[in-house]
Amino acid sequence: MFGAAVKGDAELVRFYLDQGVDVDYSHPEFQETTLVATILAGQEEVAHLLLDRGADPGLESLADRLTPAHAARQVGMSSVTTRLASLGQA
């Protein structure tokens, strides 16, 4: 799912999530959560999909110590920044 999310393949991400893949999966090699990696890759639609499906909006990636809110601000993804703020993640 990680690769599909970073590439922006929302349909494949939905498939994986429907099959029970953990929405908060953290890549063991990159030590990055799927949500943070997706945001950093500029995949806005998939970022919203992951949040819709229950991704933890405050879960920090270990490698870069970024939360989803930090990542969204870093890349200028305003719709995700706004959504995360509404979830209490400033």
PDB file of N, CA and C in Angstrom:
ATOM      1  N   MET A   1       0.824  -1.190   0.000  1.00  0.00           N
ATOM      2  CA  MET A   1       0.000   0.000   0.000  1.00  0.00           C
ATOM      3  C   MET A   1       0.866   1.250   0.000  1.00  0.00           C
ATOM      4  N   PHE A   2       1.981   1.211   0.700  1.00  0.00           N
ATOM      5  CA  PHE A   2       2.861   2.369   0.809  1.00  0.00           C
ATOM      6  C   PHE A   2       3.226   2.905  -0.580  1.00  0.00           C
ATOM      7  N   GLY A   3       3.683   2.023  -1.458  1.00  0.00           N
ATOM      8  CA  GLY A   3       4.077   2.436  -2.803  1.00  0.00           C
ATOM      9  C   GLY A   3       2.921   3.011  -3.600  1.00  0.00           C
ATOM     10  N   ALA A   4       1.764   2.389  -3.502  1.00  0.00           N
ATOM     11  CA  ALA A   4       0.587   2.882  -4.221  1.00  0.00           C
ATOM     12  C   ALA A   4       0.185   4.265  -3.720  1.00  0.00           C
ATOM     13  N   ALA A   5       0.272   4.468  -2.424  1.00  0.00           N
ATOM     14  CA  ALA A   5      -0.108   5.753  -1.839  1.00  0.00           C
ATOM     15  C   ALA A   5       0.837   6.862  -2.301  1.00  0.00           C
ATOM     16  N   VAL A   6       2.118   6.581  -2.266  1.00  0.00           N
ATOM     17  CA  VAL A   6       3.117   7.579  -2.658  1.00  0.00           C
ATOM     18  C   VAL A   6       3.008   7.912  -4.149  1.00  0.00           C
ATOM     19  N   LYS A   7       2.581   6.949  -4.944  1.00  0.00           N
ATOM     20  CA  LYS A   7       2.403   7.184  -6.383  1.00  0.00           C
ATOM     21  C   LYS A   7       1.069   7.850  -6.701  1.00  0.00           C
ATOM     22  N   GLY A   8       0.166   7.918  -5.702  1.00  0.00           N
ATOM     23  CA  GLY A   8      -1.120   8.561  -5.920  1.00  0.00           C
ATOM     24  C   GLY A   8      -2.186   7.657  -6.498  1.00  0.00           C
ATOM     25  N   ASP A   9      -2.021   6.356  -6.378  1.00  0.00           N
ATOM     26  CA  ASP A   9      -2.986   5.401  -6.923  1.00  0.00           C
ATOM     27  C   ASP A   9      -4.090   5.146  -5.887  1.00  0.00           C
ATOM     28  N   ALA A  10      -5.058   6.045  -5.856  1.00  0.00           N
ATOM     29  CA  ALA A  10      -6.123   5.990  -4.855  1.00  0.00           C
ATOM     30  C   ALA A  10      -6.933   4.698  -4.942  1.00  0.00           C
ATOM     31  N   GLU A  11      -7.180   4.236  -6.146  1.00  0.00           N
ATOM     32  CA  GLU A  11      -7.963   3.005  -6.319  1.00  0.00           C
ATOM     33  C   GLU A  11      -7.253   1.803  -5.683  1.00  0.00           C
ATOM     34  N   LEU A  12      -5.960   1.695  -5.897  1.00  0.00           N
ATOM     35  CA  LEU A  12      -5.201   0.594  -5.313  1.00  0.00           C
ATOM     36  C   LEU A  12      -5.095   0.736  -3.795  1.00  0.00           C
ATOM     37  N   VAL A  13      -4.961   1.949  -3.313  1.00  0.00           N
ATOM     38  CA  VAL A  13      -4.938   2.182  -1.858  1.00  0.00           C
ATOM     39  C   VAL A  13      -6.261   1.737  -1.248  1.00  0.00           C
ATOM     40  N   ARG A  14      -7.375   2.093  -1.892  1.00  0.00           N
ATOM     41  CA  ARG A  14      -8.692   1.648  -1.394  1.00  0.00           C
ATOM     42  C   ARG A  14      -8.754   0.122  -1.340  1.00  0.00           C
ATOM     43  N   PHE A  15      -8.259  -0.522  -2.384  1.00  0.00           N
ATOM     44  CA  PHE A  15      -8.254  -1.987  -2.421  1.00  0.00           C
ATOM     45  C   PHE A  15      -7.497  -2.547  -1.223  1.00  0.00           C
ATOM     46  N   TYR A  16      -6.289  -2.057  -1.003  1.00  0.00           N
ATOM     47  CA  TYR A  16      -5.483  -2.547   0.119  1.00  0.00           C
ATOM     48  C   TYR A  16      -6.187  -2.311   1.454  1.00  0.00           C
ATOM     49  N   LEU A  17      -6.753  -1.134   1.623  1.00  0.00           N
ATOM     50  CA  LEU A  17      -7.442  -0.845   2.877  1.00  0.00           C
ATOM     51  C   LEU A  17      -8.653  -1.751   3.054  1.00  0.00           C
ATOM     52  N   ASP A  18      -9.378  -2.006   1.970  1.00  0.00           N
ATOM     53  CA  ASP A  18     -10.522  -2.925   2.026  1.00  0.00           C
ATOM     54  C   ASP A  18     -10.088  -4.343   2.381  1.00  0.00           C
ATOM     55  N   GLN A  19      -8.843  -4.684   2.058  1.00  0.00           N
ATOM     56  CA  GLN A  19      -8.314  -6.020   2.370  1.00  0.00           C
ATOM     57  C   GLN A  19      -7.753  -6.094   3.795  1.00  0.00           C
ATOM     58  N   GLY A  20      -7.780  -4.966   4.498  1.00  0.00           N
ATOM     59  CA  GLY A  20      -7.360  -4.967   5.894  1.00  0.00           C
ATOM     60  C   GLY A  20      -5.955  -4.473   6.184  1.00  0.00           C
ATOM     61  N   VAL A  21      -5.288  -3.906   5.185  1.00  0.00           N
ATOM     62  CA  VAL A  21      -3.964  -3.345   5.437  1.00  0.00           C
ATOM     63  C   VAL A  21      -4.114  -2.186   6.428  1.00  0.00           C
ATOM     64  N   ASP A  22      -3.193  -2.112   7.377  1.00  0.00           N
ATOM     65  CA  ASP A  22      -3.223  -1.086   8.423  1.00  0.00           C
ATOM     66  C   ASP A  22      -3.042   0.302   7.812  1.00  0.00           C
ATOM     67  N   VAL A  23      -4.012   1.168   8.014  1.00  0.00           N
ATOM     68  CA  VAL A  23      -3.958   2.521   7.461  1.00  0.00           C
ATOM     69  C   VAL A  23      -2.784   3.307   8.049  1.00  0.00           C
ATOM     70  N   ASP A  24      -2.309   2.923   9.217  1.00  0.00           N
ATOM     71  CA  ASP A  24      -1.179   3.598   9.850  1.00  0.00           C
ATOM     72  C   ASP A  24       0.140   2.855   9.637  1.00  0.00           C
ATOM     73  N   TYR A  25       0.194   2.051   8.598  1.00  0.00           N
ATOM     74  CA  TYR A  25       1.400   1.294   8.280  1.00  0.00           C
ATOM     75  C   TYR A  25       2.603   2.226   8.200  1.00  0.00           C
ATOM     76  N   SER A  26       3.690   1.792   8.815  1.00  0.00           N
ATOM     77  CA  SER A  26       4.952   2.522   8.735  1.00  0.00           C
ATOM     78  C   SER A  26       5.962   1.631   8.023  1.00  0.00           C
ATOM     79  N   HIS A  27       6.534   2.141   6.955  1.00  0.00           N
ATOM     80  CA  HIS A  27       7.471   1.360   6.145  1.00  0.00           C
ATOM     81  C   HIS A  27       8.686   0.996   6.995  1.00  0.00           C
ATOM     82  N   PRO A  28       9.018  -0.291   7.107  1.00  0.00           N
ATOM     83  CA  PRO A  28      10.103  -0.714   7.992  1.00  0.00           C
ATOM     84  C   PRO A  28      11.486  -0.215   7.573  1.00  0.00           C
ATOM     85  N   GLU A  29      11.704  -0.021   6.292  1.00  0.00           N
ATOM     86  CA  GLU A  29      13.003   0.455   5.833  1.00  0.00           C
ATOM     87  C   GLU A  29      13.104   1.978   5.913  1.00  0.00           C
ATOM     88  N   PHE A  30      12.052   2.661   5.464  1.00  0.00           N
ATOM     89  CA  PHE A  30      12.077   4.123   5.412  1.00  0.00           C
ATOM     90  C   PHE A  30      11.688   4.761   6.744  1.00  0.00           C
ATOM     91  N   GLN A  31      11.039   3.979   7.623  1.00  0.00           N
ATOM     92  CA  GLN A  31      10.593   4.481   8.929  1.00  0.00           C
ATOM     93  C   GLN A  31       9.700   5.710   8.780  1.00  0.00           C
ATOM     94  N   GLU A  32       8.818   5.650   7.783  1.00  0.00           N
ATOM     95  CA  GLU A  32       7.891   6.726   7.504  1.00  0.00           C
ATOM     96  C   GLU A  32       6.482   6.167   7.473  1.00  0.00           C
ATOM     97  N   THR A  33       5.540   6.897   8.035  1.00  0.00           N
ATOM     98  CA  THR A  33       4.154   6.455   7.950  1.00  0.00           C
ATOM     99  C   THR A  33       3.647   6.688   6.527  1.00  0.00           C
ATOM    100  N   THR A  34       2.655   5.927   6.147  1.00  0.00           N
ATOM    101  CA  THR A  34       2.085   6.085   4.810  1.00  0.00           C
ATOM    102  C   THR A  34       1.522   7.488   4.626  1.00  0.00           C
ATOM    103  N   LEU A  35       0.848   8.010   5.654  1.00  0.00           N
ATOM    104  CA  LEU A  35       0.248   9.337   5.531  1.00  0.00           C
ATOM    105  C   LEU A  35       1.311  10.409   5.325  1.00  0.00           C
ATOM    106  N   VAL A  36       2.355  10.423   6.130  1.00  0.00           N
ATOM    107  CA  VAL A  36       3.404  11.437   5.972  1.00  0.00           C
ATOM    108  C   VAL A  36       4.089  11.289   4.616  1.00  0.00           C
ATOM    109  N   ALA A  37       4.418  10.076   4.217  1.00  0.00           N
ATOM    110  CA  ALA A  37       5.077   9.862   2.921  1.00  0.00           C
ATOM    111  C   ALA A  37       4.188  10.323   1.768  1.00  0.00           C
ATOM    112  N   THR A  38       2.905  10.075   1.887  1.00  0.00           N
ATOM    113  CA  THR A  38       1.949  10.475   0.854  1.00  0.00           C
ATOM    114  C   THR A  38       1.875  11.990   0.738  1.00  0.00           C
ATOM    115  N   ILE A  39       1.844  12.646   1.875  1.00  0.00           N
ATOM    116  CA  ILE A  39       1.813  14.116   1.872  1.00  0.00           C
ATOM    117  C   ILE A  39       3.099  14.658   1.256  1.00  0.00           C
ATOM    118  N   LEU A  40       4.240  14.143   1.686  1.00  0.00           N
ATOM    119  CA  LEU A  40       5.520  14.620   1.157  1.00  0.00           C
ATOM    120  C   LEU A  40       5.645  14.384  -0.348  1.00  0.00           C
ATOM    121  N   ALA A  41       4.959  13.351  -0.844  1.00  0.00           N
ATOM    122  CA  ALA A  41       4.965  13.066  -2.284  1.00  0.00           C
ATOM    123  C   ALA A  41       3.953  13.924  -3.045  1.00  0.00           C
ATOM    124  N   GLY A  42       3.201  14.761  -2.326  1.00  0.00           N
ATOM    125  CA  GLY A  42       2.250  15.656  -2.977  1.00  0.00           C
ATOM    126  C   GLY A  42       0.956  14.998  -3.410  1.00  0.00           C
ATOM    127  N   GLN A  43       0.628  13.861  -2.823  1.00  0.00           N
ATOM    128  CA  GLN A  43      -0.565  13.103  -3.221  1.00  0.00           C
ATOM    129  C   GLN A  43      -1.763  13.486  -2.338  1.00  0.00           C
ATOM    130  N   GLU A  44      -2.332  14.630  -2.636  1.00  0.00           N
ATOM    131  CA  GLU A  44      -3.410  15.210  -1.826  1.00  0.00           C
ATOM    132  C   GLU A  44      -4.643  14.304  -1.736  1.00  0.00           C
ATOM    133  N   GLU A  45      -5.085  13.770  -2.859  1.00  0.00           N
ATOM    134  CA  GLU A  45      -6.281  12.914  -2.860  1.00  0.00           C
ATOM    135  C   GLU A  45      -6.078  11.700  -1.957  1.00  0.00           C
ATOM    136  N   VAL A  46      -4.935  11.071  -2.046  1.00  0.00           N
ATOM    137  CA  VAL A  46      -4.666   9.883  -1.234  1.00  0.00           C
ATOM    138  C   VAL A  46      -4.515  10.265   0.231  1.00  0.00           C
ATOM    139  N   ALA A  47      -3.935  11.420   0.514  1.00  0.00           N
ATOM    140  CA  ALA A  47      -3.831  11.868   1.906  1.00  0.00           C
ATOM    141  C   ALA A  47      -5.219  11.995   2.523  1.00  0.00           C
ATOM    142  N   HIS A  48      -6.140  12.594   1.788  1.00  0.00           N
ATOM    143  CA  HIS A  48      -7.518  12.708   2.291  1.00  0.00           C
ATOM    144  C   HIS A  48      -8.163  11.331   2.430  1.00  0.00           C
ATOM    145  N   LEU A  49      -7.911  10.453   1.482  1.00  0.00           N
ATOM    146  CA  LEU A  49      -8.445   9.088   1.562  1.00  0.00           C
ATOM    147  C   LEU A  49      -7.959   8.393   2.829  1.00  0.00           C
ATOM    148  N   LEU A  50      -6.664   8.492   3.114  1.00  0.00           N
ATOM    149  CA  LEU A  50      -6.122   7.850   4.315  1.00  0.00           C
ATOM    150  C   LEU A  50      -6.768   8.427   5.574  1.00  0.00           C
ATOM    151  N   LEU A  51      -6.965   9.732   5.597  1.00  0.00           N
ATOM    152  CA  LEU A  51      -7.642  10.346   6.746  1.00  0.00           C
ATOM    153  C   LEU A  51      -9.096   9.880   6.820  1.00  0.00           C
ATOM    154  N   ASP A  52      -9.763   9.795   5.671  1.00  0.00           N
ATOM    155  CA  ASP A  52     -11.144   9.291   5.644  1.00  0.00           C
ATOM    156  C   ASP A  52     -11.231   7.884   6.225  1.00  0.00           C
ATOM    157  N   ARG A  53     -10.202   7.100   5.992  1.00  0.00           N
ATOM    158  CA  ARG A  53     -10.207   5.702   6.421  1.00  0.00           C
ATOM    159  C   ARG A  53      -9.587   5.494   7.809  1.00  0.00           C
ATOM    160  N   GLY A  54      -9.333   6.604   8.517  1.00  0.00           N
ATOM    161  CA  GLY A  54      -8.953   6.486   9.915  1.00  0.00           C
ATOM    162  C   GLY A  54      -7.478   6.631  10.241  1.00  0.00           C
ATOM    163  N   ALA A  55      -6.672   7.125   9.315  1.00  0.00           N
ATOM    164  CA  ALA A  55      -5.254   7.331   9.626  1.00  0.00           C
ATOM    165  C   ALA A  55      -5.122   8.273  10.816  1.00  0.00           C
ATOM    166  N   ASP A  56      -4.190   7.965  11.691  1.00  0.00           N
ATOM    167  CA  ASP A  56      -3.945   8.781  12.880  1.00  0.00           C
ATOM    168  C   ASP A  56      -3.340  10.112  12.436  1.00  0.00           C
ATOM    169  N   PRO A  57      -4.060  11.225  12.641  1.00  0.00           N
ATOM    170  CA  PRO A  57      -3.573  12.509  12.153  1.00  0.00           C
ATOM    171  C   PRO A  57      -2.380  13.059  12.929  1.00  0.00           C
ATOM    172  N   GLY A  58      -2.039  12.444  14.051  1.00  0.00           N
ATOM    173  CA  GLY A  58      -0.921  12.923  14.851  1.00  0.00           C
ATOM    174  C   GLY A  58       0.275  11.998  14.869  1.00  0.00           C
ATOM    175  N   LEU A  59       0.215  10.914  14.107  1.00  0.00           N
ATOM    176  CA  LEU A  59       1.277   9.905  14.129  1.00  0.00           C
ATOM    177  C   LEU A  59       2.520  10.413  13.407  1.00  0.00           C
ATOM    178  N   GLU A  60       3.619  10.454  14.132  1.00  0.00           N
ATOM    179  CA  GLU A  60       4.879  10.981  13.617  1.00  0.00           C
ATOM    180  C   GLU A  60       5.685   9.884  12.919  1.00  0.00           C
ATOM    181  N   SER A  61       6.323  10.258  11.824  1.00  0.00           N
ATOM    182  CA  SER A  61       7.253   9.347  11.157  1.00  0.00           C
ATOM    183  C   SER A  61       8.570   9.366  11.919  1.00  0.00           C
ATOM    184  N   LEU A  62       9.137   8.199  12.140  1.00  0.00           N
ATOM    185  CA  LEU A  62      10.364   8.107  12.924  1.00  0.00           C
ATOM    186  C   LEU A  62      11.579   8.680  12.208  1.00  0.00           C
ATOM    187  N   ALA A  63      11.716   8.434  10.925  1.00  0.00           N
ATOM    188  CA  ALA A  63      12.917   8.830  10.193  1.00  0.00           C
ATOM    189  C   ALA A  63      13.121  10.338  10.173  1.00  0.00           C
ATOM    190  N   ASP A  64      12.067  11.069   9.896  1.00  0.00           N
ATOM    191  CA  ASP A  64      12.197  12.513   9.723  1.00  0.00           C
ATOM    192  C   ASP A  64      11.551  13.316  10.838  1.00  0.00           C
ATOM    193  N   ARG A  65      10.946  12.612  11.796  1.00  0.00           N
ATOM    194  CA  ARG A  65      10.291  13.249  12.948  1.00  0.00           C
ATOM    195  C   ARG A  65       9.213  14.253  12.524  1.00  0.00           C
ATOM    196  N   LEU A  66       8.534  13.952  11.419  1.00  0.00           N
ATOM    197  CA  LEU A  66       7.470  14.817  10.930  1.00  0.00           C
ATOM    198  C   LEU A  66       6.112  14.225  11.261  1.00  0.00           C
ATOM    199  N   THR A  67       5.211  15.086  11.723  1.00  0.00           N
ATOM    200  CA  THR A  67       3.813  14.695  11.841  1.00  0.00           C
ATOM    201  C   THR A  67       3.155  15.004  10.493  1.00  0.00           C
ATOM    202  N   PRO A  68       1.955  14.496  10.262  1.00  0.00           N
ATOM    203  CA  PRO A  68       1.265  14.861   9.022  1.00  0.00           C
ATOM    204  C   PRO A  68       1.090  16.378   8.868  1.00  0.00           C
ATOM    205  N   ALA A  69       0.798  17.072   9.965  1.00  0.00           N
ATOM    206  CA  ALA A  69       0.620  18.529   9.887  1.00  0.00           C
ATOM    207  C   ALA A  69       1.918  19.220   9.485  1.00  0.00           C
ATOM    208  N   HIS A  70       3.034  18.795  10.061  1.00  0.00           N
ATOM    209  CA  HIS A  70       4.327  19.381   9.678  1.00  0.00           C
ATOM    210  C   HIS A  70       4.608  19.123   8.200  1.00  0.00           C
ATOM    211  N   ALA A  71       4.359  17.896   7.757  1.00  0.00           N
ATOM    212  CA  ALA A  71       4.605  17.536   6.359  1.00  0.00           C
ATOM    213  C   ALA A  71       3.733  18.368   5.424  1.00  0.00           C
ATOM    214  N   ALA A  72       2.454  18.512   5.765  1.00  0.00           N
ATOM    215  CA  ALA A  72       1.535  19.272   4.909  1.00  0.00           C
ATOM    216  C   ALA A  72       1.949  20.735   4.814  1.00  0.00           C
ATOM    217  N   ARG A  73       2.384  21.316   5.915  1.00  0.00           N
ATOM    218  CA  ARG A  73       2.869  22.700   5.870  1.00  0.00           C
ATOM    219  C   ARG A  73       4.152  22.796   5.040  1.00  0.00           C
ATOM    220  N   GLN A  74       5.021  21.815   5.194  1.00  0.00           N
ATOM    221  CA  GLN A  74       6.301  21.818   4.471  1.00  0.00           C
ATOM    222  C   GLN A  74       6.110  21.838   2.966  1.00  0.00           C
ATOM    223  N   VAL A  75       5.119  21.083   2.475  1.00  0.00           N
ATOM    224  CA  VAL A  75       4.906  21.019   1.023  1.00  0.00           C
ATOM    225  C   VAL A  75       3.805  21.968   0.534  1.00  0.00           C
ATOM    226  N   GLY A  76       3.190  22.705   1.450  1.00  0.00           N
ATOM    227  CA  GLY A  76       2.157  23.658   1.053  1.00  0.00           C
ATOM    228  C   GLY A  76       0.847  23.031   0.651  1.00  0.00           C
ATOM    229  N   MET A  77       0.492  21.929   1.292  1.00  0.00           N
ATOM    230  CA  MET A  77      -0.758  21.237   0.984  1.00  0.00           C
ATOM    231  C   MET A  77      -1.858  21.799   1.901  1.00  0.00           C
ATOM    232  N   SER A  78      -2.418  22.933   1.487  1.00  0.00           N
ATOM    233  CA  SER A  78      -3.313  23.698   2.361  1.00  0.00           C
ATOM    234  C   SER A  78      -4.596  22.959   2.739  1.00  0.00           C
ATOM    235  N   SER A  79      -5.165  22.194   1.844  1.00  0.00           N
ATOM    236  CA  SER A  79      -6.415  21.499   2.190  1.00  0.00           C
ATOM    237  C   SER A  79      -6.172  20.445   3.265  1.00  0.00           C
ATOM    238  N   VAL A  80      -5.023  19.795   3.213  1.00  0.00           N
ATOM    239  CA  VAL A  80      -4.682  18.800   4.228  1.00  0.00           C
ATOM    240  C   VAL A  80      -4.322  19.499   5.535  1.00  0.00           C
ATOM    241  N   THR A  81      -3.599  20.613   5.456  1.00  0.00           N
ATOM    242  CA  THR A  81      -3.268  21.394   6.650  1.00  0.00           C
ATOM    243  C   THR A  81      -4.542  21.829   7.359  1.00  0.00           C
ATOM    244  N   THR A  82      -5.501  22.333   6.595  1.00  0.00           N
ATOM    245  CA  THR A  82      -6.772  22.772   7.167  1.00  0.00           C
ATOM    246  C   THR A  82      -7.523  21.612   7.796  1.00  0.00           C
ATOM    247  N   ARG A  83      -7.559  20.485   7.112  1.00  0.00           N
ATOM    248  CA  ARG A  83      -8.261  19.327   7.650  1.00  0.00           C
ATOM    249  C   ARG A  83      -7.605  18.839   8.931  1.00  0.00           C
ATOM    250  N   LEU A  84      -6.290  18.769   8.945  1.00  0.00           N
ATOM    251  CA  LEU A  84      -5.576  18.321  10.146  1.00  0.00           C
ATOM    252  C   LEU A  84      -5.808  19.284  11.301  1.00  0.00           C
ATOM    253  N   ALA A  85      -5.845  20.578  11.014  1.00  0.00           N
ATOM    254  CA  ALA A  85      -6.130  21.569  12.062  1.00  0.00           C
ATOM    255  C   ALA A  85      -7.524  21.347  12.643  1.00  0.00           C
ATOM    256  N   SER A  86      -8.476  20.990  11.789  1.00  0.00           N
ATOM    257  CA  SER A  86      -9.840  20.732  12.283  1.00  0.00           C
ATOM    258  C   SER A  86      -9.895  19.474  13.155  1.00  0.00           C
ATOM    259  N   LEU A  87      -8.869  18.630  13.020  1.00  0.00           N
ATOM    260  CA  LEU A  87      -8.764  17.415  13.836  1.00  0.00           C
ATOM    261  C   LEU A  87      -7.878  17.641  15.049  1.00  0.00           C
ATOM    262  N   GLY A  88      -7.511  18.911  15.291  1.00  0.00           N
ATOM    263  CA  GLY A  88      -6.711  19.250  16.453  1.00  0.00           C
ATOM    264  C   GLY A  88      -5.215  19.105  16.267  1.00  0.00           C
ATOM    265  N   GLN A  89      -4.779  18.992  15.016  1.00  0.00           N
ATOM    266  CA  GLN A  89      -3.352  18.821  14.714  1.00  0.00           C
ATOM    267  C   GLN A  89      -2.816  20.064  14.023  1.00  0.00           C
ATOM    268  N   ALA A  90      -2.297  20.968  14.804  1.00  0.00           N
ATOM    269  CA  ALA A  90      -1.795  22.239  14.240  1.00  0.00           C
ATOM    270  C   ALA A  90      -0.314  22.166  13.940  1.00  0.00           C
TER     271      ALA A  90
END
